[in-house]
Amino acid sequence: MRAAEVLAQATRRLNEAGVPDAGRDARRLMAHVLKVPPGRLTLFLPEPVDPELSVIYLALIERRADRVPVSHLVGRRAFYGREFLVTPEVLDPRPETETLIEVALAAPYSTVLDLGTGSGCILFTLLAEREDAVGFGCDISPAALNVAHWNRNSLGLEGRAELCEGRWYGALEGVEETFDLIVSNPPYIAVNEMPFLSPEVRDHEPRLALTDERDGLTAYHAILEDYQQWLAPGGRLLVEIGMSQGGAVSRLFERAGLRSVRVVPDLDGRDRVVTGTKSL
C-alpha cells in the first residue's frame, strides 16, 4: 500500500476512537515510523510503505486509539524550540508552560531553582537561553530525575545544572547559595477536577505531578513557606497555575511578603503564571 492509503486508514481509526486532531497525530506517527521530518511527510505519501513498517505504524495507531499520548509513543516532545525525552514518569511539556519561560526571560538571572523539575524542560530551557546561568532542579521522584538527567546531558548542561532528589526545598540539604529565580510547575489540579481531564493526561501522566489530592493549592503553600531562605533579595518567584487559581495564588504571594505580584495570561488569554519579587 502507498503511504497515503495507510495514513487514511490510520486517520479513520483515530477518528472512530474519538481522538482529537486525528489527522495530525496520524501524520506525526507516520513521520516517526518512516524517520522523516514531519514537515516533509507529504513528499513520501505517494510511495509504497514497507509492510513491516506498516505493521509497526498501525500498532502505534492502536495505542493512540487507546489514548496513549503521542509523546509517549515517539518518546519526544518539543518545548521552546528544543526536543525533550518524555516518558510516563514525567509531565508532558506543554505549550502553555512556555508562558513561564517568557516571563522568566523578561528580567536578568544567573542562578535558577526549579522545584518539581520533572523532565527538566523548564530549568534546562532557562539555562540554555542564558549561557552564563546555572541552576538546581529538585524532584521527589527518582524516575523523573532519571529522565531529567538524560535531557540535561543531551543538551550539554552537565556542568551547569545539578539535580537533587527530595520534596521541595528539602532536596537542597547542604546547599548554601540563594537563587535569583525560583520557578515551579507544581501539581495544581484539585482532586475533584481529575475525572474531567482528558484520558491522555488522567490515565497516562504521573498523578503525583498532577494533583495534591486536595484543593490544588497545597504545593503553593509549601513553596511559599520557606522561599525566604532560598530566594535572593530582589529575586523572583514564578509558578504556573490553573486557569481559575490566579486570585487565590496571588493572594498567597502577597501574604507571604512578595511584592509586584501579578498574574500573567497565556496566549489563549487564560491565567497561567503568578510572579512576585522579594524585597531588597
Foldseek 3Di string as FASTA:
>chain_A
DFQLVLLVVLLVLLVVLVNPPSSVLSLVLLCLLVVHPSVCVVVRRRDHDDPVSSVVSVVVSVVVSVVADSCQVSQWDDDPRDIAGDHQAFDHDDPQCVVLVVVVVVDDWAEEEEAQCQLVPNVVVNCVVPVNHAYEYEHQDPVSVVRNVVRCVVSVNPPRYHYFHDHGCVRCVPPQAATQEYEYAAQQDALVCLVVDDCNPNVRHDPRRHHPPHRRCVVLCVNLVPNVRHHDAFGKYKYWHPQPCQVVSLVVCVVSPFPPWDFDGGPVRGGTMIMTTHHD
